[in-house]
Amino acid sequence: WIGVDSGTHISSLGHGCTLSDLYDENG
């Protein structure tokens, strides 16, 4: 099991970025 904790940020110029922390069941 792999956990993905994500947030997405979009600019008014039409580009953006998603940043994610990745986990397994141990951290």
PDB file of all heavy atoms in Angstrom:
ATOM      1  N   TRP A   1       0.849  -1.189   0.000  1.00  0.00           N
ATOM      2  CA  TRP A   1       0.000   0.000   0.000  1.00  0.00           C
ATOM      3  C   TRP A   1       0.885   1.239   0.000  1.00  0.00           C
ATOM      4  O   TRP A   1       1.770   1.378   0.854  1.00  0.00           O
ATOM      5  CB  TRP A   1      -0.915   0.022   1.218  1.00  0.00           C
ATOM      6  CG  TRP A   1      -2.113  -0.868   1.088  1.00  0.00           C
ATOM      7  CD1 TRP A   1      -2.252  -2.129   1.590  1.00  0.00           C
ATOM      8  CD2 TRP A   1      -3.332  -0.573   0.409  1.00  0.00           C
ATOM      9  NE1 TRP A   1      -3.481  -2.636   1.274  1.00  0.00           N
ATOM     10  CE2 TRP A   1      -4.171  -1.699   0.549  1.00  0.00           C
ATOM     11  CE3 TRP A   1      -3.811   0.523  -0.296  1.00  0.00           C
ATOM     12  CZ2 TRP A   1      -5.454  -1.756  -0.003  1.00  0.00           C
ATOM     13  CZ3 TRP A   1      -5.081   0.468  -0.840  1.00  0.00           C
ATOM     14  CH2 TRP A   1      -5.885  -0.656  -0.685  1.00  0.00           C
ATOM     15  N   ILE A   2       0.643   2.144  -0.969  1.00  0.00           N
ATOM     16  CA  ILE A   2       1.394   3.390  -1.087  1.00  0.00           C
ATOM     17  C   ILE A   2       0.406   4.543  -0.900  1.00  0.00           C
ATOM     18  O   ILE A   2      -0.617   4.614  -1.582  1.00  0.00           O
ATOM     19  CB  ILE A   2       2.089   3.509  -2.462  1.00  0.00           C
ATOM     20  CG1 ILE A   2       3.027   2.323  -2.697  1.00  0.00           C
ATOM     21  CG2 ILE A   2       2.824   4.848  -2.585  1.00  0.00           C
ATOM     22  CD1 ILE A   2       4.190   2.217  -1.741  1.00  0.00           C
ATOM     23  N   GLY A   3       0.736   5.440   0.030  1.00  0.00           N
ATOM     24  CA  GLY A   3      -0.103   6.605   0.294  1.00  0.00           C
ATOM     25  C   GLY A   3       0.397   7.820  -0.461  1.00  0.00           C
ATOM     26  O   GLY A   3       1.608   8.040  -0.583  1.00  0.00           O
ATOM     27  N   VAL A   4      -0.542   8.603  -0.987  1.00  0.00           N
ATOM     28  CA  VAL A   4      -0.241   9.837  -1.707  1.00  0.00           C
ATOM     29  C   VAL A   4      -1.050  10.948  -1.039  1.00  0.00           C
ATOM     30  O   VAL A   4      -2.274  10.887  -1.011  1.00  0.00           O
ATOM     31  CB  VAL A   4      -0.614   9.719  -3.204  1.00  0.00           C
ATOM     32  CG1 VAL A   4      -0.270  10.996  -3.950  1.00  0.00           C
ATOM     33  CG2 VAL A   4       0.057   8.523  -3.841  1.00  0.00           C
ATOM     34  N   ASP A   5      -0.355  11.944  -0.483  1.00  0.00           N
ATOM     35  CA  ASP A   5      -0.989  13.093   0.179  1.00  0.00           C
ATOM     36  C   ASP A   5      -0.638  14.318  -0.646  1.00  0.00           C
ATOM     37  O   ASP A   5       0.513  14.767  -0.649  1.00  0.00           O
ATOM     38  CB  ASP A   5      -0.469  13.209   1.610  1.00  0.00           C
ATOM     39  CG  ASP A   5      -1.194  14.254   2.419  1.00  0.00           C
ATOM     40  OD1 ASP A   5      -2.072  14.960   1.865  1.00  0.00           O
ATOM     41  OD2 ASP A   5      -0.892  14.386   3.611  1.00  0.00           O
ATOM     42  N   SER A   6      -1.620  14.868  -1.390  1.00  0.00           N
ATOM     43  CA  SER A   6      -1.338  15.829  -2.451  1.00  0.00           C
ATOM     44  C   SER A   6      -2.094  17.135  -2.328  1.00  0.00           C
ATOM     45  O   SER A   6      -3.211  17.179  -1.829  1.00  0.00           O
ATOM     46  CB  SER A   6      -1.703  15.210  -3.808  1.00  0.00           C
ATOM     47  OG  SER A   6      -1.013  14.012  -4.008  1.00  0.00           O
ATOM     48  N   GLY A   7      -1.466  18.176  -2.858  1.00  0.00           N
ATOM     49  CA  GLY A   7      -2.090  19.482  -3.028  1.00  0.00           C
ATOM     50  C   GLY A   7      -1.699  20.029  -4.392  1.00  0.00           C
ATOM     51  O   GLY A   7      -0.561  19.846  -4.832  1.00  0.00           O
ATOM     52  N   THR A   8      -2.646  20.667  -5.084  1.00  0.00           N
ATOM     53  CA  THR A   8      -2.402  21.222  -6.409  1.00  0.00           C
ATOM     54  C   THR A   8      -2.582  22.723  -6.380  1.00  0.00           C
ATOM     55  O   THR A   8      -3.536  23.230  -5.794  1.00  0.00           O
ATOM     56  CB  THR A   8      -3.358  20.592  -7.447  1.00  0.00           C
ATOM     57  OG1 THR A   8      -3.098  19.186  -7.500  1.00  0.00           O
ATOM     58  CG2 THR A   8      -3.179  21.196  -8.826  1.00  0.00           C
ATOM     59  N   HIS A   9      -1.667  23.412  -7.048  1.00  0.00           N
ATOM     60  CA  HIS A   9      -1.687  24.881  -7.116  1.00  0.00           C
ATOM     61  C   HIS A   9      -1.648  25.277  -8.592  1.00  0.00           C
ATOM     62  O   HIS A   9      -0.769  24.831  -9.324  1.00  0.00           O
ATOM     63  CB  HIS A   9      -0.491  25.457  -6.372  1.00  0.00           C
ATOM     64  CG  HIS A   9      -0.321  24.863  -5.010  1.00  0.00           C
ATOM     65  ND1 HIS A   9      -1.067  25.263  -3.935  1.00  0.00           N
ATOM     66  CD2 HIS A   9       0.468  23.844  -4.570  1.00  0.00           C
ATOM     67  CE1 HIS A   9      -0.725  24.544  -2.875  1.00  0.00           C
ATOM     68  NE2 HIS A   9       0.198  23.677  -3.233  1.00  0.00           N
ATOM     69  N   ILE A  10      -2.605  26.104  -9.023  1.00  0.00           N
ATOM     70  CA  ILE A  10      -2.717  26.531 -10.420  1.00  0.00           C
ATOM     71  C   ILE A  10      -2.556  28.040 -10.488  1.00  0.00           C
ATOM     72  O   ILE A  10      -3.183  28.779  -9.720  1.00  0.00           O
ATOM     73  CB  ILE A  10      -4.095  26.145 -11.016  1.00  0.00           C
ATOM     74  CG1 ILE A  10      -4.381  24.656 -10.862  1.00  0.00           C
ATOM     75  CG2 ILE A  10      -4.205  26.595 -12.465  1.00  0.00           C
ATOM     76  CD1 ILE A  10      -3.497  23.757 -11.654  1.00  0.00           C
ATOM     77  N   SER A  11      -1.737  28.526 -11.428  1.00  0.00           N
ATOM     78  CA  SER A  11      -1.571  29.971 -11.623  1.00  0.00           C
ATOM     79  C   SER A  11      -2.584  30.474 -12.643  1.00  0.00           C
ATOM     80  O   SER A  11      -3.168  29.684 -13.392  1.00  0.00           O
ATOM     81  CB  SER A  11      -0.154  30.296 -12.104  1.00  0.00           C
ATOM     82  OG  SER A  11      -0.052  30.105 -13.495  1.00  0.00           O
ATOM     83  N   SER A  12      -2.753  31.766 -12.714  1.00  0.00           N
ATOM     84  CA  SER A  12      -3.657  32.359 -13.699  1.00  0.00           C
ATOM     85  C   SER A  12      -3.070  32.300 -15.108  1.00  0.00           C
ATOM     86  O   SER A  12      -3.751  32.624 -16.076  1.00  0.00           O
ATOM     87  CB  SER A  12      -3.968  33.808 -13.318  1.00  0.00           C
ATOM     88  OG  SER A  12      -2.757  34.554 -13.290  1.00  0.00           O
ATOM     89  N   LEU A  13      -1.828  31.879 -15.237  1.00  0.00           N
ATOM     90  CA  LEU A  13      -1.161  31.812 -16.540  1.00  0.00           C
ATOM     91  C   LEU A  13      -1.351  30.461 -17.231  1.00  0.00           C
ATOM     92  O   LEU A  13      -0.850  30.252 -18.327  1.00  0.00           O
ATOM     93  CB  LEU A  13       0.332  32.106 -16.379  1.00  0.00           C
ATOM     94  CG  LEU A  13       0.665  33.470 -15.783  1.00  0.00           C
ATOM     95  CD1 LEU A  13       2.165  33.592 -15.560  1.00  0.00           C
ATOM     96  CD2 LEU A  13       0.151  34.576 -16.689  1.00  0.00           C
ATOM     97  N   GLY A  14      -2.023  29.525 -16.576  1.00  0.00           N
ATOM     98  CA  GLY A  14      -2.308  28.251 -17.203  1.00  0.00           C
ATOM     99  C   GLY A  14      -1.325  27.151 -16.882  1.00  0.00           C
ATOM    100  O   GLY A  14      -1.263  26.144 -17.573  1.00  0.00           O
ATOM    101  N   HIS A  15      -0.542  27.341 -15.842  1.00  0.00           N
ATOM    102  CA  HIS A  15       0.328  26.254 -15.420  1.00  0.00           C
ATOM    103  C   HIS A  15       0.189  26.062 -13.922  1.00  0.00           C
ATOM    104  O   HIS A  15      -0.336  26.911 -13.210  1.00  0.00           O
ATOM    105  CB  HIS A  15       1.797  26.485 -15.825  1.00  0.00           C
ATOM    106  CG  HIS A  15       2.364  27.769 -15.324  1.00  0.00           C
ATOM    107  ND1 HIS A  15       2.831  27.944 -14.052  1.00  0.00           N
ATOM    108  CD2 HIS A  15       2.519  28.958 -15.939  1.00  0.00           C
ATOM    109  CE1 HIS A  15       3.266  29.174 -13.897  1.00  0.00           C
ATOM    110  NE2 HIS A  15       3.084  29.813 -15.022  1.00  0.00           N
ATOM    111  N   GLY A  16       0.642  24.928 -13.453  1.00  0.00           N
ATOM    112  CA  GLY A  16       0.510  24.646 -12.031  1.00  0.00           C
ATOM    113  C   GLY A  16       1.456  23.548 -11.613  1.00  0.00           C
ATOM    114  O   GLY A  16       2.285  23.069 -12.394  1.00  0.00           O
ATOM    115  N   CYS A  17       1.300  23.145 -10.361  1.00  0.00           N
ATOM    116  CA  CYS A  17       2.161  22.118  -9.800  1.00  0.00           C
ATOM    117  C   CYS A  17       1.382  21.340  -8.751  1.00  0.00           C
ATOM    118  O   CYS A  17       0.622  21.922  -7.973  1.00  0.00           O
ATOM    119  CB  CYS A  17       3.387  22.769  -9.166  1.00  0.00           C
ATOM    120  SG  CYS A  17       4.597  21.589  -8.540  1.00  0.00           S
ATOM    121  N   THR A  18       1.545  20.033  -8.760  1.00  0.00           N
ATOM    122  CA  THR A  18       1.028  19.178  -7.703  1.00  0.00           C
ATOM    123  C   THR A  18       2.212  18.676  -6.896  1.00  0.00           C
ATOM    124  O   THR A  18       3.183  18.175  -7.459  1.00  0.00           O
ATOM    125  CB  THR A  18       0.250  17.982  -8.279  1.00  0.00           C
ATOM    126  OG1 THR A  18      -0.868  18.466  -9.012  1.00  0.00           O
ATOM    127  CG2 THR A  18      -0.240  17.061  -7.175  1.00  0.00           C
ATOM    128  N   LEU A  19       2.142  18.853  -5.586  1.00  0.00           N
ATOM    129  CA  LEU A  19       3.173  18.373  -4.679  1.00  0.00           C
ATOM    130  C   LEU A  19       2.569  17.278  -3.818  1.00  0.00           C
ATOM    131  O   LEU A  19       1.474  17.451  -3.268  1.00  0.00           O
ATOM    132  CB  LEU A  19       3.687  19.517  -3.804  1.00  0.00           C
ATOM    133  CG  LEU A  19       4.258  20.711  -4.572  1.00  0.00           C
ATOM    134  CD1 LEU A  19       4.591  21.849  -3.620  1.00  0.00           C
ATOM    135  CD2 LEU A  19       5.477  20.299  -5.379  1.00  0.00           C
ATOM    136  N   SER A  20       3.277  16.156  -3.711  1.00  0.00           N
ATOM    137  CA  SER A  20       2.758  14.995  -2.983  1.00  0.00           C
ATOM    138  C   SER A  20       3.808  14.434  -2.041  1.00  0.00           C
ATOM    139  O   SER A  20       4.977  14.292  -2.426  1.00  0.00           O
ATOM    140  CB  SER A  20       2.361  13.878  -3.957  1.00  0.00           C
ATOM    141  OG  SER A  20       1.402  14.312  -4.887  1.00  0.00           O
ATOM    142  N   ASP A  21       3.381  14.105  -0.831  1.00  0.00           N
ATOM    143  CA  ASP A  21       4.187  13.280   0.065  1.00  0.00           C
ATOM    144  C   ASP A  21       3.788  11.835  -0.183  1.00  0.00           C
ATOM    145  O   ASP A  21       2.600  11.530  -0.362  1.00  0.00           O
ATOM    146  CB  ASP A  21       3.942  13.644   1.535  1.00  0.00           C
ATOM    147  CG  ASP A  21       4.543  14.981   1.916  1.00  0.00           C
ATOM    148  OD1 ASP A  21       5.568  15.364   1.320  1.00  0.00           O
ATOM    149  OD2 ASP A  21       3.993  15.637   2.813  1.00  0.00           O
ATOM    150  N   LEU A  22       4.768  10.940  -0.168  1.00  0.00           N
ATOM    151  CA  LEU A  22       4.537   9.522  -0.446  1.00  0.00           C
ATOM    152  C   LEU A  22       4.831   8.704   0.800  1.00  0.00           C
ATOM    153  O   LEU A  22       5.831   8.948   1.489  1.00  0.00           O
ATOM    154  CB  LEU A  22       5.433   9.058  -1.589  1.00  0.00           C
ATOM    155  CG  LEU A  22       5.332   9.869  -2.891  1.00  0.00           C
ATOM    156  CD1 LEU A  22       6.381   9.407  -3.887  1.00  0.00           C
ATOM    157  CD2 LEU A  22       3.940   9.765  -3.477  1.00  0.00           C
ATOM    158  N   TYR A  23       3.990   7.720   1.064  1.00  0.00           N
ATOM    159  CA  TYR A  23       4.097   6.900   2.282  1.00  0.00           C
ATOM    160  C   TYR A  23       3.961   5.430   1.946  1.00  0.00           C
ATOM    161  O   TYR A  23       3.315   5.066   0.963  1.00  0.00           O
ATOM    162  CB  TYR A  23       2.962   7.248   3.260  1.00  0.00           C
ATOM    163  CG  TYR A  23       2.973   8.660   3.757  1.00  0.00           C
ATOM    164  CD1 TYR A  23       2.388   9.686   3.030  1.00  0.00           C
ATOM    165  CD2 TYR A  23       3.589   8.977   4.968  1.00  0.00           C
ATOM    166  CE1 TYR A  23       2.407  10.986   3.496  1.00  0.00           C
ATOM    167  CE2 TYR A  23       3.611  10.277   5.435  1.00  0.00           C
ATOM    168  CZ  TYR A  23       3.016  11.277   4.694  1.00  0.00           C
ATOM    169  OH  TYR A  23       3.048  12.572   5.157  1.00  0.00           O
ATOM    170  N   ASP A  24       4.535   4.587   2.788  1.00  0.00           N
ATOM    171  CA  ASP A  24       4.110   3.198   2.863  1.00  0.00           C
ATOM    172  C   ASP A  24       3.469   3.045   4.240  1.00  0.00           C
ATOM    173  O   ASP A  24       3.316   4.032   4.972  1.00  0.00           O
ATOM    174  CB  ASP A  24       5.239   2.197   2.571  1.00  0.00           C
ATOM    175  CG  ASP A  24       6.316   2.144   3.641  1.00  0.00           C
ATOM    176  OD1 ASP A  24       6.184   2.789   4.710  1.00  0.00           O
ATOM    177  OD2 ASP A  24       7.319   1.437   3.419  1.00  0.00           O
ATOM    178  N   GLU A  25       3.089   1.846   4.622  1.00  0.00           N
ATOM    179  CA  GLU A  25       2.393   1.662   5.897  1.00  0.00           C
ATOM    180  C   GLU A  25       3.280   1.909   7.102  1.00  0.00           C
ATOM    181  O   GLU A  25       2.787   2.001   8.227  1.00  0.00           O
ATOM    182  CB  GLU A  25       1.791   0.263   5.943  1.00  0.00           C
ATOM    183  CG  GLU A  25       0.695   0.081   4.903  1.00  0.00           C
ATOM    184  CD  GLU A  25       0.196  -1.341   4.846  1.00  0.00           C
ATOM    185  OE1 GLU A  25      -0.484  -1.763   5.805  1.00  0.00           O
ATOM    186  OE2 GLU A  25       0.502  -2.029   3.848  1.00  0.00           O
ATOM    187  N   ASN A  26       4.586   2.079   6.879  1.00  0.00           N
ATOM    188  CA  ASN A  26       5.525   2.341   7.975  1.00  0.00           C
ATOM    189  C   ASN A  26       5.956   3.797   8.070  1.00  0.00           C
ATOM    190  O   ASN A  26       6.765   4.139   8.930  1.00  0.00           O
ATOM    191  CB  ASN A  26       6.757   1.435   7.831  1.00  0.00           C
ATOM    192  CG  ASN A  26       6.378  -0.021   7.945  1.00  0.00           C
ATOM    193  OD1 ASN A  26       5.696  -0.416   8.885  1.00  0.00           O
ATOM    194  ND2 ASN A  26       6.784  -0.824   6.983  1.00  0.00           N
ATOM    195  N   GLY A  27       5.459   4.659   7.179  1.00  0.00           N
ATOM    196  CA  GLY A  27       5.791   6.078   7.265  1.00  0.00           C
ATOM    197  C   GLY A  27       6.212   6.682   5.938  1.00  0.00           C
ATOM    198  O   GLY A  27       6.065   6.086   4.863  1.00  0.00           O
TER     199      GLY A  27
END
